[in-house]
Amino acid sequence: MIRQVQKPIEEILQFLDGKQKIVLMGCGGYTTVFHTGGDPEVKKMAETLFKHGKDILAAITVPFGEFTCYAPWNKERLKPYRRQIEECDAMLMMTCGIECNDGLLNVIDSKRAGYPL
């Protein structure tokens, strides 16, 4: 059985230490089901990081049933966020491990840090 638990905010802030401009990205798959990266969780995390002094360039949410790891979907879904992704210091991927690896590789280059949540 698959199970997910969100990392503590202290650990997330350690990942983001020295990174100011953040893009968050959720998923409509497992993280929506387990309430670790669906629409409400992405919005809440954006608010939390903002309260901790981070600049949130985008909080990308995904409809239920659409998986971030699906590459053709990713490219289309992320076109409107290209500028924010290019300008960010880090992307916080509120996805499962598969989606973090596959989805992240589809949207960022080696200059940006991506952090699984």
N, C-alpha and C. Protein backbone atom coordinates (compact mmCIF):
# COMPACT_ATOMS: atom_id res chain seq x y z
N MET A 1 0.83 -1.18 0.00
CA MET A 1 0.00 0.00 0.00
C MET A 1 0.88 1.25 0.00
N ILE A 2 0.52 2.19 -0.80
CA ILE A 2 1.25 3.46 -0.87
C ILE A 2 0.71 4.38 0.22
N ARG A 3 1.63 5.09 0.86
CA ARG A 3 1.25 6.06 1.88
C ARG A 3 2.20 7.25 1.77
N GLN A 4 1.69 8.43 2.03
CA GLN A 4 2.53 9.63 1.98
C GLN A 4 2.30 10.48 3.21
N VAL A 5 3.39 11.09 3.68
CA VAL A 5 3.33 12.02 4.80
C VAL A 5 4.16 13.23 4.40
N GLN A 6 3.62 14.42 4.61
CA GLN A 6 4.36 15.63 4.25
C GLN A 6 5.49 15.86 5.25
N LYS A 7 6.62 16.33 4.74
CA LYS A 7 7.75 16.64 5.60
C LYS A 7 7.39 17.80 6.54
N PRO A 8 8.02 17.87 7.70
CA PRO A 8 7.78 19.00 8.61
C PRO A 8 8.26 20.31 7.98
N ILE A 9 7.60 21.40 8.31
CA ILE A 9 7.95 22.70 7.73
C ILE A 9 9.41 23.07 8.02
N GLU A 10 9.92 22.67 9.17
CA GLU A 10 11.32 22.98 9.51
C GLU A 10 12.27 22.34 8.50
N GLU A 11 11.99 21.12 8.11
CA GLU A 11 12.82 20.43 7.12
C GLU A 11 12.70 21.08 5.75
N ILE A 12 11.50 21.47 5.39
CA ILE A 12 11.28 22.14 4.11
C ILE A 12 12.04 23.46 4.07
N LEU A 13 11.98 24.21 5.16
CA LEU A 13 12.69 25.49 5.21
C LEU A 13 14.20 25.29 5.13
N GLN A 14 14.71 24.19 5.68
CA GLN A 14 16.14 23.90 5.56
C GLN A 14 16.52 23.66 4.10
N PHE A 15 15.67 22.91 3.37
CA PHE A 15 15.91 22.70 1.94
C PHE A 15 15.97 24.04 1.21
N LEU A 16 15.12 24.96 1.61
CA LEU A 16 14.98 26.23 0.90
C LEU A 16 15.88 27.33 1.45
N ASP A 17 16.74 27.02 2.40
CA ASP A 17 17.64 28.01 2.96
C ASP A 17 18.51 28.61 1.85
N GLY A 18 18.53 29.92 1.77
CA GLY A 18 19.30 30.60 0.73
C GLY A 18 18.56 30.74 -0.59
N LYS A 19 17.38 30.19 -0.68
CA LYS A 19 16.54 30.29 -1.89
C LYS A 19 15.39 31.23 -1.56
N GLN A 20 15.20 32.25 -2.36
CA GLN A 20 14.16 33.24 -2.08
C GLN A 20 12.92 33.07 -2.95
N LYS A 21 13.14 32.92 -4.25
CA LYS A 21 12.02 32.86 -5.20
C LYS A 21 11.64 31.40 -5.45
N ILE A 22 10.42 31.07 -5.06
CA ILE A 22 9.99 29.67 -5.05
C ILE A 22 8.78 29.46 -5.97
N VAL A 23 8.80 28.34 -6.68
CA VAL A 23 7.63 27.86 -7.42
C VAL A 23 7.22 26.54 -6.78
N LEU A 24 5.94 26.42 -6.45
CA LEU A 24 5.41 25.17 -5.90
C LEU A 24 4.62 24.46 -6.98
N MET A 25 4.66 23.13 -6.94
CA MET A 25 3.89 22.36 -7.90
C MET A 25 3.32 21.12 -7.22
N GLY A 26 2.02 20.93 -7.36
CA GLY A 26 1.36 19.78 -6.79
C GLY A 26 1.06 18.74 -7.85
N CYS A 27 0.15 17.84 -7.51
CA CYS A 27 -0.24 16.77 -8.42
C CYS A 27 -1.68 16.38 -8.16
N GLY A 28 -2.34 15.90 -9.19
CA GLY A 28 -3.71 15.44 -9.04
C GLY A 28 -3.81 13.95 -8.80
N GLY A 29 -2.68 13.32 -8.53
CA GLY A 29 -2.66 11.88 -8.30
C GLY A 29 -2.58 11.54 -6.83
N TYR A 30 -1.55 10.77 -6.47
CA TYR A 30 -1.42 10.27 -5.11
C TYR A 30 -1.42 11.37 -4.06
N THR A 31 -0.74 12.47 -4.33
CA THR A 31 -0.65 13.51 -3.31
C THR A 31 -1.99 14.21 -3.07
N THR A 32 -2.86 14.19 -4.05
CA THR A 32 -4.21 14.70 -3.82
C THR A 32 -4.98 13.73 -2.93
N VAL A 33 -4.87 12.45 -3.22
CA VAL A 33 -5.57 11.43 -2.44
C VAL A 33 -5.11 11.43 -0.98
N PHE A 34 -3.79 11.58 -0.76
CA PHE A 34 -3.24 11.54 0.59
C PHE A 34 -3.14 12.92 1.25
N HIS A 35 -3.64 13.94 0.58
CA HIS A 35 -3.67 15.30 1.13
C HIS A 35 -2.28 15.83 1.47
N THR A 36 -1.32 15.57 0.57
CA THR A 36 0.04 16.09 0.75
C THR A 36 0.47 17.03 -0.36
N GLY A 37 -0.29 17.10 -1.46
CA GLY A 37 0.11 17.97 -2.56
C GLY A 37 -1.01 18.28 -3.53
N GLY A 38 -2.23 18.21 -3.05
CA GLY A 38 -3.37 18.61 -3.88
C GLY A 38 -3.56 20.12 -3.81
N ASP A 39 -4.62 20.59 -4.41
CA ASP A 39 -4.90 22.02 -4.48
C ASP A 39 -4.86 22.71 -3.10
N PRO A 40 -5.58 22.22 -2.09
CA PRO A 40 -5.57 22.92 -0.80
C PRO A 40 -4.19 22.92 -0.15
N GLU A 41 -3.45 21.82 -0.30
CA GLU A 41 -2.14 21.72 0.34
C GLU A 41 -1.12 22.64 -0.33
N VAL A 42 -1.18 22.76 -1.65
CA VAL A 42 -0.28 23.67 -2.37
C VAL A 42 -0.55 25.11 -1.94
N LYS A 43 -1.82 25.48 -1.88
CA LYS A 43 -2.17 26.84 -1.46
C LYS A 43 -1.74 27.12 -0.02
N LYS A 44 -1.96 26.15 0.86
CA LYS A 44 -1.55 26.33 2.26
C LYS A 44 -0.03 26.45 2.37
N MET A 45 0.71 25.63 1.62
CA MET A 45 2.17 25.70 1.66
C MET A 45 2.65 27.05 1.13
N ALA A 46 2.02 27.56 0.09
CA ALA A 46 2.38 28.88 -0.44
C ALA A 46 2.20 29.94 0.64
N GLU A 47 1.10 29.90 1.36
CA GLU A 47 0.86 30.85 2.45
C GLU A 47 1.90 30.70 3.56
N THR A 48 2.21 29.47 3.91
CA THR A 48 3.19 29.22 4.97
C THR A 48 4.56 29.73 4.59
N LEU A 49 5.00 29.44 3.37
CA LEU A 49 6.32 29.90 2.93
C LEU A 49 6.36 31.42 2.83
N PHE A 50 5.27 32.02 2.39
CA PHE A 50 5.19 33.49 2.33
C PHE A 50 5.36 34.08 3.73
N LYS A 51 4.72 33.48 4.71
CA LYS A 51 4.84 33.95 6.10
C LYS A 51 6.26 33.79 6.62
N HIS A 52 7.02 32.87 6.03
CA HIS A 52 8.42 32.68 6.41
C HIS A 52 9.37 33.50 5.52
N GLY A 53 8.81 34.46 4.78
CA GLY A 53 9.63 35.40 4.02
C GLY A 53 10.00 34.99 2.61
N LYS A 54 9.43 33.92 2.09
CA LYS A 54 9.74 33.50 0.73
C LYS A 54 8.85 34.22 -0.28
N ASP A 55 9.39 34.47 -1.45
CA ASP A 55 8.61 35.04 -2.55
C ASP A 55 8.04 33.86 -3.36
N ILE A 56 6.74 33.78 -3.43
CA ILE A 56 6.09 32.69 -4.16
C ILE A 56 5.77 33.19 -5.57
N LEU A 57 6.52 32.70 -6.54
CA LEU A 57 6.31 33.12 -7.93
C LEU A 57 5.12 32.43 -8.56
N ALA A 58 4.86 31.18 -8.16
CA ALA A 58 3.71 30.44 -8.68
C ALA A 58 3.41 29.28 -7.73
N ALA A 59 2.13 28.98 -7.60
CA ALA A 59 1.67 27.81 -6.85
C ALA A 59 0.80 27.03 -7.83
N ILE A 60 1.41 26.08 -8.50
CA ILE A 60 0.76 25.36 -9.59
C ILE A 60 -0.02 24.17 -9.04
N THR A 61 -1.32 24.21 -9.23
CA THR A 61 -2.17 23.11 -8.79
C THR A 61 -2.64 22.32 -10.00
N VAL A 62 -3.00 21.09 -9.74
CA VAL A 62 -3.32 20.16 -10.81
C VAL A 62 -4.68 19.52 -10.52
N PRO A 63 -5.56 19.44 -11.51
CA PRO A 63 -6.86 18.81 -11.28
C PRO A 63 -6.73 17.34 -10.89
N PHE A 64 -7.67 16.88 -10.09
CA PHE A 64 -7.68 15.47 -9.68
C PHE A 64 -7.66 14.57 -10.92
N GLY A 65 -6.80 13.56 -10.87
CA GLY A 65 -6.70 12.60 -11.97
C GLY A 65 -5.60 12.92 -12.97
N GLU A 66 -5.01 14.10 -12.89
CA GLU A 66 -3.88 14.44 -13.77
C GLU A 66 -2.60 14.32 -12.96
N PHE A 67 -1.68 13.52 -13.48
CA PHE A 67 -0.45 13.23 -12.77
C PHE A 67 0.69 14.11 -13.29
N THR A 68 1.46 14.67 -12.37
CA THR A 68 2.57 15.54 -12.73
C THR A 68 3.64 14.81 -13.52
N CYS A 69 3.76 13.50 -13.34
CA CYS A 69 4.81 12.74 -14.02
C CYS A 69 4.49 12.48 -15.49
N TYR A 70 3.30 12.81 -15.93
CA TYR A 70 2.92 12.57 -17.32
C TYR A 70 3.49 13.68 -18.20
N ALA A 71 4.59 13.39 -18.88
CA ALA A 71 5.37 14.40 -19.60
C ALA A 71 4.58 15.22 -20.61
N PRO A 72 3.78 14.62 -21.49
CA PRO A 72 3.04 15.46 -22.45
C PRO A 72 2.12 16.46 -21.76
N TRP A 73 1.50 16.04 -20.68
CA TRP A 73 0.63 16.95 -19.92
C TRP A 73 1.46 18.08 -19.31
N ASN A 74 2.61 17.72 -18.73
CA ASN A 74 3.46 18.70 -18.06
C ASN A 74 3.82 19.86 -18.97
N LYS A 75 4.27 19.55 -20.16
CA LYS A 75 4.74 20.60 -21.06
C LYS A 75 3.63 21.59 -21.38
N GLU A 76 2.43 21.09 -21.63
CA GLU A 76 1.30 21.99 -21.91
C GLU A 76 0.87 22.75 -20.68
N ARG A 77 0.74 22.06 -19.57
CA ARG A 77 0.27 22.66 -18.33
C ARG A 77 1.21 23.77 -17.86
N LEU A 78 2.50 23.60 -18.08
CA LEU A 78 3.48 24.53 -17.53
C LEU A 78 3.83 25.70 -18.44
N LYS A 79 3.36 25.70 -19.67
CA LYS A 79 3.66 26.81 -20.58
C LYS A 79 3.36 28.17 -19.97
N PRO A 80 2.20 28.36 -19.32
CA PRO A 80 1.91 29.69 -18.75
C PRO A 80 2.85 30.08 -17.60
N TYR A 81 3.59 29.13 -17.06
CA TYR A 81 4.47 29.39 -15.92
C TYR A 81 5.94 29.44 -16.31
N ARG A 82 6.24 29.44 -17.59
CA ARG A 82 7.63 29.38 -18.06
C ARG A 82 8.48 30.49 -17.44
N ARG A 83 7.99 31.72 -17.43
CA ARG A 83 8.77 32.84 -16.89
C ARG A 83 9.08 32.61 -15.40
N GLN A 84 8.06 32.22 -14.64
CA GLN A 84 8.27 32.00 -13.21
C GLN A 84 9.26 30.87 -12.96
N ILE A 85 9.17 29.82 -13.75
CA ILE A 85 10.08 28.69 -13.59
C ILE A 85 11.51 29.11 -13.93
N GLU A 86 11.67 29.91 -14.96
CA GLU A 86 13.00 30.38 -15.33
C GLU A 86 13.59 31.32 -14.28
N GLU A 87 12.74 32.07 -13.59
CA GLU A 87 13.21 33.06 -12.61
C GLU A 87 13.37 32.49 -11.20
N CYS A 88 12.81 31.33 -10.92
CA CYS A 88 12.82 30.83 -9.55
C CYS A 88 14.21 30.35 -9.13
N ASP A 89 14.41 30.37 -7.82
CA ASP A 89 15.63 29.81 -7.23
C ASP A 89 15.45 28.32 -6.95
N ALA A 90 14.20 27.91 -6.70
CA ALA A 90 13.92 26.51 -6.39
C ALA A 90 12.46 26.20 -6.70
N MET A 91 12.23 24.93 -7.03
CA MET A 91 10.86 24.42 -7.18
C MET A 91 10.61 23.42 -6.06
N LEU A 92 9.52 23.62 -5.35
CA LEU A 92 9.12 22.68 -4.32
C LEU A 92 8.06 21.78 -4.93
N MET A 93 8.43 20.53 -5.17
CA MET A 93 7.54 19.57 -5.83
C MET A 93 6.75 18.82 -4.77
N MET A 94 5.47 19.13 -4.67
CA MET A 94 4.59 18.47 -3.71
C MET A 94 3.96 17.26 -4.39
N THR A 95 4.83 16.33 -4.76
CA THR A 95 4.45 15.16 -5.55
C THR A 95 5.10 13.92 -4.95
N CYS A 96 4.76 12.76 -5.50
CA CYS A 96 5.45 11.54 -5.06
C CYS A 96 6.85 11.52 -5.69
N GLY A 97 7.66 10.55 -5.31
CA GLY A 97 9.02 10.48 -5.81
C GLY A 97 9.12 10.33 -7.31
N ILE A 98 8.26 9.52 -7.90
CA ILE A 98 8.27 9.34 -9.36
C ILE A 98 7.97 10.66 -10.04
N GLU A 99 6.93 11.32 -9.57
CA GLU A 99 6.53 12.57 -10.18
C GLU A 99 7.57 13.65 -9.98
N CYS A 100 8.20 13.64 -8.83
CA CYS A 100 9.23 14.64 -8.58
C CYS A 100 10.35 14.48 -9.59
N ASN A 101 10.82 13.26 -9.76
CA ASN A 101 11.93 13.03 -10.69
C ASN A 101 11.53 13.31 -12.13
N ASP A 102 10.46 12.68 -12.59
CA ASP A 102 10.05 12.84 -13.98
C ASP A 102 9.51 14.24 -14.26
N GLY A 103 8.65 14.72 -13.40
CA GLY A 103 8.06 16.04 -13.60
C GLY A 103 9.08 17.15 -13.53
N LEU A 104 9.97 17.05 -12.56
CA LEU A 104 10.98 18.07 -12.38
C LEU A 104 11.92 18.14 -13.57
N LEU A 105 12.31 16.99 -14.08
CA LEU A 105 13.22 16.97 -15.23
C LEU A 105 12.58 17.60 -16.46
N ASN A 106 11.28 17.59 -16.52
CA ASN A 106 10.58 18.18 -17.66
C ASN A 106 10.50 19.70 -17.60
N VAL A 107 10.72 20.29 -16.44
CA VAL A 107 10.46 21.72 -16.33
C VAL A 107 11.64 22.58 -15.92
N ILE A 108 12.69 22.00 -15.34
CA ILE A 108 13.78 22.85 -14.89
C ILE A 108 15.10 22.41 -15.51
N ASP A 109 16.09 23.27 -15.37
CA ASP A 109 17.42 22.92 -15.84
C ASP A 109 18.33 22.76 -14.63
N SER A 110 19.58 22.49 -14.87
CA SER A 110 20.51 22.19 -13.78
C SER A 110 20.84 23.41 -12.92
N LYS A 111 20.42 24.60 -13.31
CA LYS A 111 20.71 25.80 -12.52
C LYS A 111 19.76 25.96 -11.34
N ARG A 112 18.62 25.28 -11.37
CA ARG A 112 17.64 25.42 -10.32
C ARG A 112 17.58 24.18 -9.46
N ALA A 113 17.38 24.41 -8.19
CA ALA A 113 17.25 23.29 -7.27
C ALA A 113 15.79 22.88 -7.18
N GLY A 114 15.57 21.59 -7.15
CA GLY A 114 14.22 21.08 -6.97
C GLY A 114 14.20 20.22 -5.71
N TYR A 115 13.16 20.36 -4.93
CA TYR A 115 13.08 19.65 -3.67
C TYR A 115 11.81 18.84 -3.59
N PRO A 116 11.94 17.53 -3.32
CA PRO A 116 10.75 16.71 -3.14
C PRO A 116 10.13 17.00 -1.79
N LEU A 117 8.83 16.91 -1.75
CA LEU A 117 8.16 17.13 -0.49
C LEU A 117 7.48 15.85 -0.13
